[in-house]
């Protein structure tokens, strides 16, 4: 995943355990109600399932991440009408 300067993911709740490896740039991420943290190139961020997160690139260099979800997220259950 690549995020240009000023771009980010929408605020959302994780649907699996998420591991983000910062390949290039600097990741700024808010998890649950905690203040934003900054992670540099070479860092792995472990985000548990069900956590509200807001990840973004607040720096000038392009942010490149490798994202792994394990176990794979389950498809949402369709609700009958």
PDB file of N, CA and C in Angstrom:
ATOM      1  N   UNK A   1       0.846  -1.153   0.000  1.00  0.00           N
ATOM      2  CA  UNK A   1       0.000   0.000   0.000  1.00  0.00           C
ATOM      3  C   UNK A   1       0.901   1.227   0.000  1.00  0.00           C
ATOM      4  N   UNK A   2       0.560   2.217  -0.807  1.00  0.00           N
ATOM      5  CA  UNK A   2       1.301   3.479  -0.797  1.00  0.00           C
ATOM      6  C   UNK A   2       0.333   4.627  -0.532  1.00  0.00           C
ATOM      7  N   UNK A   3       0.786   5.565   0.278  1.00  0.00           N
ATOM      8  CA  UNK A   3      -0.011   6.742   0.599  1.00  0.00           C
ATOM      9  C   UNK A   3       0.841   7.983   0.359  1.00  0.00           C
ATOM     10  N   UNK A   4       0.455   8.826  -0.602  1.00  0.00           N
ATOM     11  CA  UNK A   4       1.175  10.080  -0.823  1.00  0.00           C
ATOM     12  C   UNK A   4       1.006  11.001   0.389  1.00  0.00           C
ATOM     13  N   UNK A   5       1.790  12.037   0.443  1.00  0.00           N
ATOM     14  CA  UNK A   5       1.706  13.021   1.525  1.00  0.00           C
ATOM     15  C   UNK A   5       0.271  13.517   1.670  1.00  0.00           C
ATOM     16  N   UNK A   6      -0.207  13.554   2.916  1.00  0.00           N
ATOM     17  CA  UNK A   6      -1.542  14.054   3.202  1.00  0.00           C
ATOM     18  C   UNK A   6      -2.664  13.045   3.021  1.00  0.00           C
ATOM     19  N   UNK A   7      -2.353  11.850   2.548  1.00  0.00           N
ATOM     20  CA  UNK A   7      -3.387  10.827   2.330  1.00  0.00           C
ATOM     21  C   UNK A   7      -3.423   9.857   3.504  1.00  0.00           C
ATOM     22  N   UNK A   8      -4.543   9.139   3.629  1.00  0.00           N
ATOM     23  CA  UNK A   8      -4.666   8.163   4.699  1.00  0.00           C
ATOM     24  C   UNK A   8      -5.814   7.215   4.448  1.00  0.00           C
ATOM     25  N   UNK A   9      -5.960   6.281   5.353  1.00  0.00           N
ATOM     26  CA  UNK A   9      -7.076   5.351   5.326  1.00  0.00           C
ATOM     27  C   UNK A   9      -8.225   5.974   6.111  1.00  0.00           C
ATOM     28  N   UNK A  10      -9.457   5.660   5.758  1.00  0.00           N
ATOM     29  CA  UNK A  10     -10.561   6.199   6.548  1.00  0.00           C
ATOM     30  C   UNK A  10     -10.553   5.595   7.954  1.00  0.00           C
ATOM     31  N   UNK A  11     -11.115   6.297   8.889  1.00  0.00           N
ATOM     32  CA  UNK A  11     -11.278   5.774  10.233  1.00  0.00           C
ATOM     33  C   UNK A  11     -12.121   4.509  10.131  1.00  0.00           C
ATOM     34  N   UNK A  12     -11.620   3.394  10.676  1.00  0.00           N
ATOM     35  CA  UNK A  12     -12.352   2.132  10.605  1.00  0.00           C
ATOM     36  C   UNK A  12     -11.924   1.205  11.726  1.00  0.00           C
ATOM     37  N   UNK A  13     -12.699   0.133  11.910  1.00  0.00           N
ATOM     38  CA  UNK A  13     -12.390  -0.887  12.909  1.00  0.00           C
ATOM     39  C   UNK A  13     -11.767  -2.081  12.185  1.00  0.00           C
ATOM     40  N   UNK A  14     -10.673  -2.598  12.712  1.00  0.00           N
ATOM     41  CA  UNK A  14     -10.002  -3.724  12.067  1.00  0.00           C
ATOM     42  C   UNK A  14     -10.898  -4.961  12.095  1.00  0.00           C
ATOM     43  N   UNK A  15     -10.795  -5.796  11.043  1.00  0.00           N
ATOM     44  CA  UNK A  15     -11.596  -7.011  10.958  1.00  0.00           C
ATOM     45  C   UNK A  15     -10.744  -8.269  11.048  1.00  0.00           C
ATOM     46  N   UNK A  16      -9.523  -8.094  11.531  1.00  0.00           N
ATOM     47  CA  UNK A  16      -8.571  -9.186  11.726  1.00  0.00           C
ATOM     48  C   UNK A  16      -7.384  -8.602  12.487  1.00  0.00           C
ATOM     49  N   UNK A  17      -6.439  -9.448  12.902  1.00  0.00           N
ATOM     50  CA  UNK A  17      -5.167  -8.927  13.401  1.00  0.00           C
ATOM     51  C   UNK A  17      -4.433  -8.337  12.208  1.00  0.00           C
ATOM     52  N   UNK A  18      -3.911  -7.141  12.363  1.00  0.00           N
ATOM     53  CA  UNK A  18      -3.247  -6.446  11.261  1.00  0.00           C
ATOM     54  C   UNK A  18      -1.794  -6.177  11.647  1.00  0.00           C
ATOM     55  N   UNK A  19      -0.893  -6.450  10.721  1.00  0.00           N
ATOM     56  CA  UNK A  19       0.525  -6.147  10.898  1.00  0.00           C
ATOM     57  C   UNK A  19       0.918  -5.203   9.773  1.00  0.00           C
ATOM     58  N   UNK A  20       1.394  -4.011  10.128  1.00  0.00           N
ATOM     59  CA  UNK A  20       1.841  -3.029   9.134  1.00  0.00           C
ATOM     60  C   UNK A  20       3.347  -2.881   9.244  1.00  0.00           C
ATOM     61  N   UNK A  21       4.044  -3.140   8.142  1.00  0.00           N
ATOM     62  CA  UNK A  21       5.488  -2.972   8.066  1.00  0.00           C
ATOM     63  C   UNK A  21       5.760  -1.711   7.266  1.00  0.00           C
ATOM     64  N   UNK A  22       6.434  -0.743   7.883  1.00  0.00           N
ATOM     65  CA  UNK A  22       6.737   0.522   7.222  1.00  0.00           C
ATOM     66  C   UNK A  22       7.972   0.310   6.336  1.00  0.00           C
ATOM     67  N   UNK A  23       7.755   0.264   5.020  1.00  0.00           N
ATOM     68  CA  UNK A  23       8.818   0.031   4.046  1.00  0.00           C
ATOM     69  C   UNK A  23       9.549   1.323   3.709  1.00  0.00           C
ATOM     70  N   UNK A  24       8.779   2.425   3.607  1.00  0.00           N
ATOM     71  CA  UNK A  24       9.353   3.725   3.242  1.00  0.00           C
ATOM     72  C   UNK A  24       8.491   4.814   3.850  1.00  0.00           C
ATOM     73  N   UNK A  25       9.095   5.891   4.279  1.00  0.00           N
ATOM     74  CA  UNK A  25       8.356   7.023   4.820  1.00  0.00           C
ATOM     75  C   UNK A  25       8.068   6.874   6.306  1.00  0.00           C
ATOM     76  N   UNK A  26       7.034   7.590   6.754  1.00  0.00           N
ATOM     77  CA  UNK A  26       6.678   7.642   8.167  1.00  0.00           C
ATOM     78  C   UNK A  26       5.168   7.489   8.306  1.00  0.00           C
ATOM     79  N   UNK A  27       4.751   6.530   9.125  1.00  0.00           N
ATOM     80  CA  UNK A  27       3.345   6.259   9.391  1.00  0.00           C
ATOM     81  C   UNK A  27       2.907   6.989  10.653  1.00  0.00           C
ATOM     82  N   UNK A  28       1.786   7.688  10.575  1.00  0.00           N
ATOM     83  CA  UNK A  28       1.138   8.253  11.754  1.00  0.00           C
ATOM     84  C   UNK A  28      -0.159   7.493  11.920  1.00  0.00           C
ATOM     85  N   UNK A  29      -0.377   6.910  13.109  1.00  0.00           N
ATOM     86  CA  UNK A  29      -1.553   6.077  13.320  1.00  0.00           C
ATOM     87  C   UNK A  29      -2.130   6.295  14.711  1.00  0.00           C
ATOM     88  N   UNK A  30      -3.454   6.395  14.750  1.00  0.00           N
ATOM     89  CA  UNK A  30      -4.188   6.482  16.013  1.00  0.00           C
ATOM     90  C   UNK A  30      -4.924   5.162  16.193  1.00  0.00           C
ATOM     91  N   UNK A  31      -4.779   4.560  17.370  1.00  0.00           N
ATOM     92  CA  UNK A  31      -5.448   3.296  17.682  1.00  0.00           C
ATOM     93  C   UNK A  31      -6.345   3.483  18.892  1.00  0.00           C
ATOM     94  N   UNK A  32      -7.598   3.083  18.746  1.00  0.00           N
ATOM     95  CA  UNK A  32      -8.606   3.228  19.803  1.00  0.00           C
ATOM     96  C   UNK A  32      -8.650   4.693  20.225  1.00  0.00           C
ATOM     97  N   UNK A  33      -8.641   4.959  21.514  1.00  0.00           N
ATOM     98  CA  UNK A  33      -8.716   6.335  22.007  1.00  0.00           C
ATOM     99  C   UNK A  33      -7.340   6.907  22.337  1.00  0.00           C
ATOM    100  N   UNK A  34      -6.289   6.243  21.896  1.00  0.00           N
ATOM    101  CA  UNK A  34      -4.930   6.674  22.212  1.00  0.00           C
ATOM    102  C   UNK A  34      -4.466   7.786  21.273  1.00  0.00           C
ATOM    103  N   UNK A  35      -3.551   8.635  21.746  1.00  0.00           N
ATOM    104  CA  UNK A  35      -2.997   9.677  20.865  1.00  0.00           C
ATOM    105  C   UNK A  35      -2.241   9.047  19.695  1.00  0.00           C
ATOM    106  N   UNK A  36      -2.120   9.795  18.625  1.00  0.00           N
ATOM    107  CA  UNK A  36      -1.399   9.311  17.439  1.00  0.00           C
ATOM    108  C   UNK A  36       0.045   8.996  17.788  1.00  0.00           C
ATOM    109  N   UNK A  37       0.549   7.922  17.172  1.00  0.00           N
ATOM    110  CA  UNK A  37       1.952   7.522  17.303  1.00  0.00           C
ATOM    111  C   UNK A  37       2.582   7.595  15.913  1.00  0.00           C
ATOM    112  N   UNK A  38       3.889   7.811  15.876  1.00  0.00           N
ATOM    113  CA  UNK A  38       4.624   7.925  14.612  1.00  0.00           C
ATOM    114  C   UNK A  38       5.609   6.760  14.526  1.00  0.00           C
ATOM    115  N   UNK A  39       5.626   6.085  13.356  1.00  0.00           N
ATOM    116  CA  UNK A  39       6.493   4.932  13.134  1.00  0.00           C
ATOM    117  C   UNK A  39       7.322   5.160  11.877  1.00  0.00           C
ATOM    118  N   UNK A  40       8.618   4.955  11.998  1.00  0.00           N
ATOM    119  CA  UNK A  40       9.579   5.168  10.915  1.00  0.00           C
ATOM    120  C   UNK A  40       9.785   3.899  10.084  1.00  0.00           C
ATOM    121  N   UNK A  41      10.472   4.046   8.982  1.00  0.00           N
ATOM    122  CA  UNK A  41      10.872   2.942   8.107  1.00  0.00           C
ATOM    123  C   UNK A  41      11.501   1.820   8.934  1.00  0.00           C
ATOM    124  N   UNK A  42      11.099   0.578   8.636  1.00  0.00           N
ATOM    125  CA  UNK A  42      11.652  -0.586   9.314  1.00  0.00           C
ATOM    126  C   UNK A  42      10.846  -1.054  10.514  1.00  0.00           C
ATOM    127  N   UNK A  43       9.800  -0.320  10.869  1.00  0.00           N
ATOM    128  CA  UNK A  43       8.986  -0.659  12.027  1.00  0.00           C
ATOM    129  C   UNK A  43       7.824  -1.567  11.631  1.00  0.00           C
ATOM    130  N   UNK A  44       7.496  -2.515  12.518  1.00  0.00           N
ATOM    131  CA  UNK A  44       6.296  -3.333  12.355  1.00  0.00           C
ATOM    132  C   UNK A  44       5.320  -2.926  13.447  1.00  0.00           C
ATOM    133  N   UNK A  45       4.083  -2.619  13.041  1.00  0.00           N
ATOM    134  CA  UNK A  45       3.039  -2.234  13.981  1.00  0.00           C
ATOM    135  C   UNK A  45       2.031  -3.376  14.040  1.00  0.00           C
ATOM    136  N   UNK A  46       1.762  -3.883  15.252  1.00  0.00           N
ATOM    137  CA  UNK A  46       0.807  -4.964  15.473  1.00  0.00           C
ATOM    138  C   UNK A  46      -0.495  -4.357  15.973  1.00  0.00           C
ATOM    139  N   UNK A  47      -1.574  -4.545  15.214  1.00  0.00           N
ATOM    140  CA  UNK A  47      -2.873  -3.967  15.552  1.00  0.00           C
ATOM    141  C   UNK A  47      -3.861  -5.114  15.757  1.00  0.00           C
ATOM    142  N   UNK A  48      -4.398  -5.267  16.969  1.00  0.00           N
ATOM    143  CA  UNK A  48      -5.327  -6.367  17.236  1.00  0.00           C
ATOM    144  C   UNK A  48      -6.656  -6.221  16.493  1.00  0.00           C
ATOM    145  N   UNK A  49      -7.345  -7.339  16.364  1.00  0.00           N
ATOM    146  CA  UNK A  49      -8.669  -7.374  15.754  1.00  0.00           C
ATOM    147  C   UNK A  49      -9.645  -6.520  16.567  1.00  0.00           C
ATOM    148  N   UNK A  50     -10.520  -5.801  15.882  1.00  0.00           N
ATOM    149  CA  UNK A  50     -11.579  -5.045  16.529  1.00  0.00           C
ATOM    150  C   UNK A  50     -11.183  -3.679  17.056  1.00  0.00           C
ATOM    151  N   UNK A  51      -9.986  -3.193  16.709  1.00  0.00           N
ATOM    152  CA  UNK A  51      -9.498  -1.895  17.181  1.00  0.00           C
ATOM    153  C   UNK A  51      -9.846  -0.815  16.157  1.00  0.00           C
ATOM    154  N   UNK A  52     -10.355   0.307  16.638  1.00  0.00           N
ATOM    155  CA  UNK A  52     -10.599   1.446  15.755  1.00  0.00           C
ATOM    156  C   UNK A  52      -9.256   2.081  15.413  1.00  0.00           C
ATOM    157  N   UNK A  53      -9.021   2.300  14.123  1.00  0.00           N
ATOM    158  CA  UNK A  53      -7.728   2.846  13.694  1.00  0.00           C
ATOM    159  C   UNK A  53      -7.901   3.929  12.645  1.00  0.00           C
ATOM    160  N   UNK A  54      -6.913   4.832  12.638  1.00  0.00           N
ATOM    161  CA  UNK A  54      -6.861   5.897  11.639  1.00  0.00           C
ATOM    162  C   UNK A  54      -5.396   6.064  11.256  1.00  0.00           C
ATOM    163  N   UNK A  55      -5.021   5.523  10.092  1.00  0.00           N
ATOM    164  CA  UNK A  55      -3.634   5.553   9.614  1.00  0.00           C
ATOM    165  C   UNK A  55      -3.513   6.587   8.510  1.00  0.00           C
ATOM    166  N   UNK A  56      -2.393   7.338   8.541  1.00  0.00           N
ATOM    167  CA  UNK A  56      -2.225   8.401   7.545  1.00  0.00           C
ATOM    168  C   UNK A  56      -0.755   8.757   7.355  1.00  0.00           C
ATOM    169  N   UNK A  57      -0.509   9.494   6.278  1.00  0.00           N
ATOM    170  CA  UNK A  57       0.827  10.004   5.976  1.00  0.00           C
ATOM    171  C   UNK A  57       0.801  11.517   6.175  1.00  0.00           C
ATOM    172  N   UNK A  58       1.375  11.970   7.268  1.00  0.00           N
ATOM    173  CA  UNK A  58       1.425  13.409   7.571  1.00  0.00           C
ATOM    174  C   UNK A  58       2.782  14.012   7.224  1.00  0.00           C
ATOM    175  N   UNK A  59       3.566  13.307   6.407  1.00  0.00           N
ATOM    176  CA  UNK A  59       4.917  13.755   6.069  1.00  0.00           C
ATOM    177  C   UNK A  59       5.049  13.931   4.561  1.00  0.00           C
ATOM    178  N   UNK A  60       6.133  14.524   4.112  1.00  0.00           N
ATOM    179  CA  UNK A  60       6.295  14.853   2.693  1.00  0.00           C
ATOM    180  C   UNK A  60       6.689  13.664   1.826  1.00  0.00           C
ATOM    181  N   UNK A  61       7.378  12.690   2.397  1.00  0.00           N
ATOM    182  CA  UNK A  61       7.797  11.510   1.631  1.00  0.00           C
ATOM    183  C   UNK A  61       6.628  10.539   1.479  1.00  0.00           C
ATOM    184  N   UNK A  62       6.569   9.840   0.346  1.00  0.00           N
ATOM    185  CA  UNK A  62       5.546   8.814   0.137  1.00  0.00           C
ATOM    186  C   UNK A  62       5.688   7.749   1.217  1.00  0.00           C
ATOM    187  N   UNK A  63       4.555   7.307   1.780  1.00  0.00           N
ATOM    188  CA  UNK A  63       4.525   6.239   2.768  1.00  0.00           C
ATOM    189  C   UNK A  63       4.211   4.939   2.049  1.00  0.00           C
ATOM    190  N   UNK A  64       5.061   3.941   2.238  1.00  0.00           N
ATOM    191  CA  UNK A  64       4.830   2.625   1.654  1.00  0.00           C
ATOM    192  C   UNK A  64       4.757   1.609   2.779  1.00  0.00           C
ATOM    193  N   UNK A  65       3.672   0.820   2.789  1.00  0.00           N
ATOM    194  CA  UNK A  65       3.434  -0.173   3.826  1.00  0.00           C
ATOM    195  C   UNK A  65       3.216  -1.542   3.206  1.00  0.00           C
ATOM    196  N   UNK A  66       3.666  -2.579   3.891  1.00  0.00           N
ATOM    197  CA  UNK A  66       3.230  -3.934   3.609  1.00  0.00           C
ATOM    198  C   UNK A  66       2.258  -4.280   4.720  1.00  0.00           C
ATOM    199  N   UNK A  67       1.046  -4.697   4.344  1.00  0.00           N
ATOM    200  CA  UNK A  67       0.005  -4.986   5.320  1.00  0.00           C
ATOM    201  C   UNK A  67      -0.347  -6.464   5.254  1.00  0.00           C
ATOM    202  N   UNK A  68      -0.328  -7.118   6.421  1.00  0.00           N
ATOM    203  CA  UNK A  68      -0.702  -8.528   6.525  1.00  0.00           C
ATOM    204  C   UNK A  68      -1.852  -8.630   7.512  1.00  0.00           C
ATOM    205  N   UNK A  69      -2.910  -9.349   7.108  1.00  0.00           N
ATOM    206  CA  UNK A  69      -4.030  -9.628   8.007  1.00  0.00           C
ATOM    207  C   UNK A  69      -4.046 -11.123   8.259  1.00  0.00           C
ATOM    208  N   UNK A  70      -3.977 -11.503   9.548  1.00  0.00           N
ATOM    209  CA  UNK A  70      -3.940 -12.921   9.881  1.00  0.00           C
ATOM    210  C   UNK A  70      -4.678 -13.153  11.194  1.00  0.00           C
ATOM    211  N   UNK A  71      -5.641 -14.044  11.214  1.00  0.00           N
ATOM    212  CA  UNK A  71      -6.119 -14.819  10.071  1.00  0.00           C
ATOM    213  C   UNK A  71      -6.848 -13.920   9.074  1.00  0.00           C
ATOM    214  N   UNK A  72      -7.092 -14.479   7.890  1.00  0.00           N
ATOM    215  CA  UNK A  72      -7.771 -13.706   6.857  1.00  0.00           C
ATOM    216  C   UNK A  72      -9.133 -13.248   7.374  1.00  0.00           C
ATOM    217  N   UNK A  73      -9.528 -12.015   7.052  1.00  0.00           N
ATOM    218  CA  UNK A  73     -10.830 -11.516   7.499  1.00  0.00           C
ATOM    219  C   UNK A  73     -11.965 -12.373   6.938  1.00  0.00           C
ATOM    220  N   UNK A  74     -13.007 -12.525   7.736  1.00  0.00           N
ATOM    221  CA  UNK A  74     -14.179 -13.252   7.289  1.00  0.00           C
ATOM    222  C   UNK A  74     -15.084 -12.297   6.523  1.00  0.00           C
ATOM    223  N   UNK A  75     -15.782 -12.825   5.536  1.00  0.00           N
ATOM    224  CA  UNK A  75     -16.735 -11.998   4.807  1.00  0.00           C
ATOM    225  C   UNK A  75     -17.886 -11.635   5.743  1.00  0.00           C
ATOM    226  N   UNK A  76     -18.422 -10.438   5.609  1.00  0.00           N
ATOM    227  CA  UNK A  76     -19.545 -10.049   6.456  1.00  0.00           C
ATOM    228  C   UNK A  76     -20.747 -10.951   6.218  1.00  0.00           C
ATOM    229  N   UNK A  77     -21.496 -11.228   7.254  1.00  0.00           N
ATOM    230  CA  UNK A  77     -22.692 -12.047   7.146  1.00  0.00           C
ATOM    231  C   UNK A  77     -23.804 -11.198   6.554  1.00  0.00           C
ATOM    232  N   UNK A  78     -24.445 -11.705   5.522  1.00  0.00           N
ATOM    233  CA  UNK A  78     -25.576 -11.008   4.897  1.00  0.00           C
ATOM    234  C   UNK A  78     -26.788 -11.113   5.812  1.00  0.00           C
ATOM    235  N   UNK A  79     -27.429  -9.992   6.048  1.00  0.00           N
ATOM    236  CA  UNK A  79     -28.637  -9.980   6.874  1.00  0.00           C
ATOM    237  C   UNK A  79     -29.844 -10.165   5.986  1.00  0.00           C
ATOM    238  N   UNK A  80     -30.765 -11.031   6.380  1.00  0.00           N
ATOM    239  CA  UNK A  80     -31.983 -11.221   5.583  1.00  0.00           C
ATOM    240  C   UNK A  80     -32.994 -10.142   5.935  1.00  0.00           C
ATOM    241  N   UNK A  81     -33.816  -9.792   4.967  1.00  0.00           N
ATOM    242  CA  UNK A  81     -34.811  -8.736   5.171  1.00  0.00           C
ATOM    243  C   UNK A  81     -36.103  -9.313   5.675  1.00  0.00           C
TER     244      UNK A  81
END
